Amino acid sequence: MVLLVQSIRMDLKSFFSNLAPKRTTTPKHVVGIDFGSSSVKVVELLQEDDVLKLKTYGELQLGPYSKQDLGSVTRLEVPQKIEALVDVLRESKVDASSGVMTLQLSTSFVTVFSVNAKKDEDIGPRVRVEARKYIPVPMADVTLDWSELPSLGEETTSVREVLIAAVQNDAHADAQNLLKAVKMGSQPTEIEIFSTLRAVSTAEDSSLAVIDLGAQTSKLYISNGGVVRKIHRVFVGGSQATDRIAKSLNISFEEAENRKRNYTDADEHAAEIKKAVASTFERPLQEFKRVLNQYELRSGGPVSRIVITGGSSSFADMQTYINYTLDRTVERANPFDKVAYPAFMEDMLEDIAPTFSAALGAALRPFEETV
């Protein structure tokens, strides 16, 4: 199986270009690194003869580094993150000397808002003033970038939409320090949204919705023509589902996490486990359904494809449950489709693929202009 990478030219390619180190060539080996709220994922890609190949990948749970259970949401200090990163790179046998680090949405601010302005009016100064309403920290503590979006549907020319993205300076510095600690050259750091969209988008997508079910937060991203148009977050995730299972079955959190990960209909407590997971994600999915309906009404057309990703999307019955709740057909993300790998790995990679969307999307970034 040999596939050339397919890459959407995201409109935000130049975002935070001032944070990107200068480079003259694209490295042959790149590792994408995704520090989530409960685990760190890495994906290393190798380019040979214009073909991108999967070299290795790995995931490491972060709970034990803060003396918590597997699957727990945790906040690590930089020394603990370094330790975890060293371990996952070693265990995965990563030997790339160049890395792309994703930044969690919790350390950044991304939103879309409207500005009433004439077609030829310079809205830059107004955007920065408006941005202060959406960014809950001092502007001196973030690096802000923005992009005006093309008109959507039948909107009047006096309404101009803007996508803003701001990265906390401390979070960016921590990411760079992590890479320096493992003696790895840094490619541009980017917010996880854009890594995920790069990983799951295809050239055929006119519009795309991504439902990202993480350990701490559930997120909906909607893009149109490769441009982010809507972001919606609900602070509910897989960790809460695990907690409900633990309480329902009167077992430890770690045992509940293992039961959730290894769930099948044959489990003696299948009904309780399935109910705990479904009840946890009911509110986020109902909110996502409302947002999707509103977006389609405003844009004048349906979202052409919906993809689910994130660790919780790997739960055995999750795809069926989301299909039913949204009353729509959804797909499980498989970012590994964008790279070449041995045929014998196909079933295994398809099973774990949603977990690695952000890491693989980050690793794809340096190759965008060369494939």
Protein backbone atom coordinates (compact mmCIF):
# COMPACT_ATOMS: atom_id res chain seq x y z
CA MET A 1 0.00 0.00 0.00
CA VAL A 2 1.63 3.23 -1.14
CA LEU A 3 -0.23 6.53 -0.84
CA LEU A 4 0.97 10.03 -1.54
CA VAL A 5 0.01 12.47 1.16
CA GLN A 6 -3.09 14.55 0.48
CA SER A 7 -2.91 17.96 2.08
CA ILE A 8 -5.43 20.76 2.29
CA ARG A 9 -3.73 24.16 2.00
CA MET A 10 -5.25 25.59 5.14
CA ASP A 11 -5.82 29.33 4.90
CA LEU A 12 -3.94 29.68 8.18
CA LYS A 13 -0.61 28.39 6.88
CA SER A 14 1.04 31.70 7.71
CA PHE A 15 -0.47 32.08 11.17
CA PHE A 16 2.17 32.82 13.79
CA SER A 17 4.89 32.96 11.15
CA ASN A 18 6.75 35.26 13.52
CA LEU A 19 7.00 32.37 15.99
CA ALA A 20 8.38 29.96 13.41
CA PRO A 21 12.13 29.32 13.27
CA LYS A 22 13.76 30.10 9.94
CA ARG A 23 14.50 27.10 7.77
CA THR A 24 15.72 26.63 4.23
CA THR A 25 15.04 22.92 3.65
CA THR A 26 12.42 20.40 4.70
CA PRO A 27 13.81 17.59 6.87
CA LYS A 28 13.40 13.98 5.73
CA HIS A 29 12.29 12.83 9.19
CA VAL A 30 9.72 14.75 11.23
CA VAL A 31 7.93 13.77 14.43
CA GLY A 32 4.60 15.30 15.38
CA ILE A 33 4.08 15.61 19.14
CA ASP A 34 0.66 16.03 20.72
CA PHE A 35 0.50 16.62 24.49
CA GLY A 36 -3.14 16.03 25.41
CA SER A 37 -4.77 16.30 28.80
CA SER A 38 -4.25 12.61 29.64
CA SER A 39 -1.60 11.28 27.23
CA VAL A 40 1.19 12.28 24.86
CA LYS A 41 1.16 10.97 21.30
CA VAL A 42 3.98 10.96 18.74
CA VAL A 43 3.99 10.11 15.02
CA GLU A 44 7.21 10.06 13.00
CA LEU A 45 7.08 10.40 9.21
CA LEU A 46 9.83 9.74 6.69
CA GLN A 47 9.92 11.12 3.15
CA GLU A 48 11.46 8.92 0.46
CA ASP A 49 11.09 9.56 -3.28
CA ASP A 50 8.15 11.96 -2.77
CA VAL A 51 6.29 9.36 -0.71
CA LEU A 52 5.56 9.97 2.95
CA LYS A 53 5.94 6.84 5.05
CA LEU A 54 4.93 6.07 8.61
CA LYS A 55 8.14 5.30 10.45
CA THR A 56 6.85 4.88 13.99
CA TYR A 57 4.23 6.09 16.47
CA GLY A 58 3.50 5.82 20.17
CA GLU A 59 1.30 6.95 23.06
CA LEU A 60 2.10 7.30 26.75
CA GLN A 61 -0.37 7.96 29.55
CA LEU A 62 0.52 11.00 31.67
CA GLY A 63 -1.32 10.12 34.89
CA PRO A 64 1.57 8.22 36.51
CA TYR A 65 3.89 11.22 36.05
CA SER A 66 1.75 13.15 38.53
CA LYS A 67 0.93 10.08 40.68
CA GLN A 68 -2.56 9.73 39.21
CA ASP A 69 -4.38 6.85 37.55
CA LEU A 70 -4.12 5.95 33.89
CA GLY A 71 -6.57 8.01 31.87
CA SER A 72 -6.72 10.83 34.42
CA VAL A 73 -6.71 14.44 33.29
CA THR A 74 -3.47 15.91 34.53
CA ARG A 75 -1.44 19.11 34.35
CA LEU A 76 2.29 18.45 34.33
CA GLU A 77 5.10 20.87 35.04
CA VAL A 78 7.78 21.22 32.35
CA PRO A 79 10.27 18.80 34.03
CA GLN A 80 7.56 16.11 34.15
CA LYS A 81 6.65 16.77 30.53
CA ILE A 82 10.29 16.43 29.54
CA GLU A 83 10.46 13.09 31.34
CA ALA A 84 7.31 11.87 29.59
CA LEU A 85 8.52 13.10 26.20
CA VAL A 86 11.90 11.41 26.60
CA ASP A 87 10.13 8.16 27.54
CA VAL A 88 7.65 8.14 24.64
CA LEU A 89 10.35 9.01 22.10
CA ARG A 90 12.58 6.25 23.43
CA GLU A 91 9.85 3.61 23.63
CA SER A 92 8.61 4.50 20.14
CA LYS A 93 12.18 4.44 18.78
CA VAL A 94 11.83 7.90 17.26
CA ASP A 95 15.10 9.11 15.75
CA ALA A 96 13.93 12.28 13.98
CA SER A 97 15.89 15.40 14.85
CA SER A 98 13.05 17.75 13.88
CA GLY A 99 9.72 18.04 15.68
CA VAL A 100 6.40 19.87 15.43
CA MET A 101 4.59 20.42 18.73
CA THR A 102 0.85 21.01 18.94
CA LEU A 103 -0.60 23.50 21.40
CA GLN A 104 -3.78 22.53 23.22
CA LEU A 105 -6.82 24.69 22.71
CA SER A 106 -6.78 25.25 26.48
CA THR A 107 -3.56 27.29 26.08
CA SER A 108 -4.81 29.24 23.08
CA PHE A 109 -7.86 31.15 21.94
CA VAL A 110 -9.50 30.63 18.56
CA THR A 111 -12.82 32.11 17.53
CA VAL A 112 -14.73 33.68 14.65
CA PHE A 113 -16.58 36.99 14.97
CA SER A 114 -18.20 39.57 12.67
CA VAL A 115 -17.23 43.19 12.05
CA ASN A 116 -19.56 45.68 10.39
CA ALA A 117 -17.34 47.50 7.92
CA LYS A 118 -17.21 48.69 4.34
CA LYS A 119 -15.65 46.40 1.76
CA ASP A 120 -12.47 48.47 1.35
CA GLU A 121 -12.10 49.53 5.01
CA ASP A 122 -8.96 48.53 6.91
CA ILE A 123 -10.34 46.49 9.80
CA GLY A 124 -6.98 45.61 11.38
CA PRO A 125 -7.17 48.11 14.27
CA ARG A 126 -10.79 47.17 15.01
CA VAL A 127 -9.98 43.47 15.01
CA ARG A 128 -7.40 43.93 17.73
CA VAL A 129 -9.85 45.93 19.84
CA GLU A 130 -12.61 43.33 19.35
CA ALA A 131 -10.20 40.48 20.11
CA ARG A 132 -9.84 41.73 23.68
CA LYS A 133 -13.46 40.75 24.29
CA TYR A 134 -12.67 37.10 23.52
CA ILE A 135 -9.22 36.69 25.04
CA PRO A 136 -9.44 36.39 28.85
CA VAL A 137 -5.80 37.27 29.55
CA PRO A 138 -3.79 40.47 29.00
CA MET A 139 -2.94 41.01 25.34
CA ALA A 140 0.71 41.38 26.32
CA ASP A 141 0.68 37.72 27.37
CA VAL A 142 -0.34 36.36 23.96
CA THR A 143 0.74 36.43 20.34
CA LEU A 144 -2.26 37.28 18.19
CA ASP A 145 -2.88 36.61 14.52
CA TRP A 146 -6.01 36.94 12.43
CA SER A 147 -7.40 36.30 8.98
CA GLU A 148 -10.47 37.69 7.24
CA LEU A 149 -12.79 34.95 5.99
CA PRO A 150 -14.57 34.91 2.63
CA SER A 151 -18.30 35.62 2.64
CA LEU A 152 -20.53 32.72 3.60
CA GLY A 153 -23.91 32.23 1.99
CA GLU A 154 -25.83 35.41 1.15
CA GLU A 155 -24.26 37.70 3.74
CA THR A 156 -24.07 41.41 2.92
CA THR A 157 -20.73 42.97 2.11
CA SER A 158 -21.02 45.20 5.22
CA VAL A 159 -20.59 42.13 7.45
CA ARG A 160 -17.01 40.84 7.41
CA GLU A 161 -16.03 37.73 9.34
CA VAL A 162 -12.68 37.35 11.03
CA LEU A 163 -10.93 34.34 12.48
CA ILE A 164 -8.59 35.22 15.34
CA ALA A 165 -6.08 32.92 17.00
CA ALA A 166 -3.97 33.79 20.00
CA VAL A 167 -1.28 31.67 21.63
CA GLN A 168 -0.18 32.18 25.21
CA ASN A 169 3.47 33.19 25.10
CA ASP A 170 4.30 30.98 28.08
CA ALA A 171 2.75 27.93 26.39
CA HIS A 172 4.73 28.55 23.22
CA ALA A 173 7.93 28.98 25.22
CA ASP A 174 7.25 25.73 27.10
CA ALA A 175 6.80 23.89 23.79
CA GLN A 176 10.09 25.21 22.47
CA ASN A 177 11.86 24.30 25.72
CA LEU A 178 10.52 20.75 25.51
CA LEU A 179 12.01 20.31 22.05
CA LYS A 180 15.31 21.84 23.13
CA ALA A 181 15.42 19.49 26.12
CA VAL A 182 15.35 16.47 23.80
CA LYS A 183 17.82 18.15 21.41
CA MET A 184 15.29 18.39 18.64
CA GLY A 185 15.09 21.18 16.07
CA SER A 186 11.75 22.94 16.03
CA GLN A 187 9.41 23.33 13.09
CA PRO A 188 6.53 25.84 13.45
CA THR A 189 4.36 25.17 16.50
CA GLU A 190 0.62 25.21 15.84
CA ILE A 191 -2.72 24.95 17.63
CA GLU A 192 -4.16 21.43 17.71
CA ILE A 193 -7.25 22.44 15.68
CA PHE A 194 -5.19 23.06 12.56
CA SER A 195 -3.13 19.88 12.98
CA THR A 196 -6.32 17.83 13.31
CA LEU A 197 -7.97 19.44 10.29
CA ARG A 198 -4.87 18.83 8.18
CA ALA A 199 -4.90 15.18 9.21
CA VAL A 200 -8.53 14.43 8.38
CA SER A 201 -9.29 16.81 5.47
CA THR A 202 -9.26 15.70 1.86
CA ALA A 203 -9.11 17.65 -1.38
CA GLU A 204 -12.72 16.60 -2.08
CA ASP A 205 -14.15 18.21 1.08
CA SER A 206 -16.22 21.26 0.24
CA SER A 207 -17.16 21.53 3.90
CA LEU A 208 -16.11 19.42 6.86
CA ALA A 209 -17.13 19.05 10.49
CA VAL A 210 -14.76 17.42 12.97
CA ILE A 211 -16.00 16.20 16.35
CA ASP A 212 -12.97 15.79 18.61
CA LEU A 213 -13.74 13.82 21.76
CA GLY A 214 -10.85 14.22 24.17
CA ALA A 215 -10.29 13.21 27.77
CA GLN A 216 -11.28 16.60 29.18
CA THR A 217 -13.09 18.48 26.40
CA SER A 218 -15.33 17.74 23.44
CA LYS A 219 -14.86 20.06 20.47
CA LEU A 220 -16.57 20.74 17.16
CA TYR A 221 -14.69 22.36 14.27
CA ILE A 222 -16.40 23.29 11.01
CA SER A 223 -14.36 24.25 7.97
CA ASN A 224 -15.45 25.38 4.53
CA GLY A 225 -13.07 25.30 1.60
CA GLY A 226 -10.19 24.57 3.98
CA VAL A 227 -11.00 27.60 6.15
CA VAL A 228 -12.15 27.31 9.78
CA ARG A 229 -15.65 28.80 10.13
CA LYS A 230 -16.91 27.62 13.52
CA ILE A 231 -15.51 26.28 16.78
CA HIS A 232 -17.58 25.06 19.69
CA ARG A 233 -16.31 23.52 22.93
CA VAL A 234 -18.04 21.65 25.74
CA PHE A 235 -16.01 20.86 28.85
CA VAL A 236 -17.03 17.22 28.99
CA GLY A 237 -14.78 14.32 27.98
CA GLY A 238 -13.76 10.72 28.33
CA SER A 239 -12.36 11.14 31.82
CA GLN A 240 -15.85 11.92 33.09
CA ALA A 241 -17.20 8.83 31.37
CA THR A 242 -14.56 6.76 33.17
CA ASP A 243 -15.54 8.35 36.47
CA ARG A 244 -19.19 7.41 35.88
CA ILE A 245 -18.24 3.83 35.09
CA ALA A 246 -16.13 3.63 38.26
CA LYS A 247 -19.01 4.86 40.42
CA SER A 248 -21.60 2.69 38.67
CA LEU A 249 -19.57 -0.51 39.05
CA ASN A 250 -17.93 0.48 42.36
CA ILE A 251 -14.43 -0.05 40.96
CA SER A 252 -11.26 2.06 40.82
CA PHE A 253 -10.82 4.77 38.19
CA GLU A 254 -7.96 2.86 36.56
CA GLU A 255 -9.97 -0.35 36.34
CA ALA A 256 -12.90 1.61 34.91
CA GLU A 257 -10.60 3.16 32.29
CA ASN A 258 -9.41 -0.29 31.26
CA ARG A 259 -12.99 -1.58 31.08
CA LYS A 260 -13.93 1.36 28.85
CA ARG A 261 -10.94 0.91 26.55
CA ASN A 262 -11.52 -2.84 26.19
CA TYR A 263 -15.31 -2.67 26.06
CA THR A 264 -17.25 -5.25 24.03
CA ASP A 265 -20.88 -6.35 24.07
CA ALA A 266 -19.67 -9.52 25.78
CA ASP A 267 -18.64 -7.63 28.94
CA GLU A 268 -20.80 -8.69 31.88
CA HIS A 269 -21.41 -5.02 32.64
CA ALA A 270 -21.77 -3.91 29.01
CA ALA A 271 -25.10 -2.17 29.60
CA GLU A 272 -23.79 -0.09 32.52
CA ILE A 273 -20.59 0.87 30.69
CA LYS A 274 -22.44 1.84 27.53
CA LYS A 275 -24.98 3.88 29.52
CA ALA A 276 -22.21 5.75 31.39
CA VAL A 277 -20.45 6.69 28.16
CA ALA A 278 -23.66 7.66 26.34
CA SER A 279 -24.96 9.81 29.21
CA THR A 280 -21.59 11.60 29.44
CA PHE A 281 -21.55 12.66 25.80
CA GLU A 282 -25.27 13.33 25.38
CA ARG A 283 -25.02 17.06 26.18
CA PRO A 284 -21.98 17.77 23.95
CA LEU A 285 -23.54 15.94 21.04
CA GLN A 286 -26.87 17.72 21.42
CA GLU A 287 -25.02 21.05 21.42
CA PHE A 288 -23.04 20.02 18.34
CA LYS A 289 -26.27 19.06 16.59
CA ARG A 290 -27.69 22.51 17.27
CA VAL A 291 -24.52 24.25 16.06
CA LEU A 292 -24.42 22.15 12.88
CA ASN A 293 -28.05 22.96 12.11
CA GLN A 294 -27.47 26.67 12.68
CA TYR A 295 -24.37 26.68 10.49
CA GLU A 296 -26.13 24.89 7.63
CA LEU A 297 -29.08 27.28 7.81
CA ARG A 298 -26.74 30.24 7.62
CA SER A 299 -24.47 28.84 4.90
CA GLY A 300 -27.36 27.64 2.77
CA GLY A 301 -26.03 24.11 2.33
CA PRO A 302 -25.27 20.90 4.24
CA VAL A 303 -21.93 19.99 5.76
CA SER A 304 -20.61 17.44 3.28
CA ARG A 305 -18.74 15.21 5.75
CA ILE A 306 -18.55 14.71 9.52
CA VAL A 307 -15.53 13.00 11.06
CA ILE A 308 -15.09 11.90 14.68
CA THR A 309 -11.67 11.85 16.25
CA GLY A 310 -9.96 11.91 19.65
CA GLY A 311 -9.43 9.10 22.12
CA SER A 312 -13.07 8.73 23.15
CA SER A 313 -14.18 8.23 19.55
CA SER A 314 -12.44 4.84 19.69
CA PHE A 315 -15.05 3.52 22.14
CA ALA A 316 -16.62 0.52 20.41
CA ASP A 317 -20.18 1.85 20.05
CA MET A 318 -19.37 5.56 19.80
CA GLN A 319 -19.78 5.91 16.04
CA THR A 320 -23.21 4.25 16.12
CA TYR A 321 -24.28 6.40 19.07
CA ILE A 322 -23.21 9.63 17.36
CA ASN A 323 -24.96 8.62 14.12
CA TYR A 324 -28.17 8.17 16.12
CA THR A 325 -27.84 11.31 18.26
CA LEU A 326 -27.00 13.65 15.38
CA ASP A 327 -29.30 11.85 12.95
CA ARG A 328 -26.41 12.00 10.49
CA THR A 329 -23.77 9.67 9.11
CA VAL A 330 -20.34 10.19 10.66
CA GLU A 331 -16.96 8.63 9.88
CA ARG A 332 -14.16 7.61 12.21
CA ALA A 333 -11.00 9.54 11.42
CA ASN A 334 -8.14 7.61 9.85
CA PRO A 335 -5.28 10.07 9.32
CA PHE A 336 -2.94 7.17 8.50
CA ASP A 337 -4.64 7.06 5.09
CA LYS A 338 -2.43 10.00 4.14
CA VAL A 339 0.82 8.11 4.47
CA ALA A 340 2.29 4.80 3.34
CA TYR A 341 2.67 1.87 5.73
CA PRO A 342 2.97 -1.95 5.53
CA ALA A 343 -0.28 -3.67 4.59
CA PHE A 344 -0.18 -5.95 7.65
CA MET A 345 -0.58 -2.90 9.90
CA GLU A 346 -3.83 -1.73 8.31
CA ASP A 347 -6.34 -3.21 10.77
CA MET A 348 -4.35 -2.15 13.81
CA LEU A 349 -3.83 1.40 12.57
CA GLU A 350 -7.48 1.78 11.65
CA ASP A 351 -8.42 0.83 15.20
CA ILE A 352 -6.17 3.40 16.89
CA ALA A 353 -6.18 6.09 14.19
CA PRO A 354 -8.55 8.65 15.82
CA THR A 355 -6.18 9.01 18.77
CA PHE A 356 -3.30 10.14 16.55
CA SER A 357 -4.99 12.74 14.34
CA ALA A 358 -3.34 15.82 15.87
CA ALA A 359 0.13 14.24 16.11
CA LEU A 360 0.05 13.02 12.52
CA GLY A 361 -1.34 16.34 11.28
CA ALA A 362 1.49 18.16 13.02
CA ALA A 363 4.07 15.86 11.41
CA LEU A 364 2.52 16.53 7.98
CA ARG A 365 2.97 20.30 8.22
CA PRO A 366 6.62 20.64 7.08
CA PHE A 367 5.89 18.46 4.03
CA GLU A 368 2.93 20.51 2.76
CA GLU A 369 4.93 22.47 0.22
CA THR A 370 6.97 19.52 -1.04
CA VAL A 371 4.37 16.85 -1.85
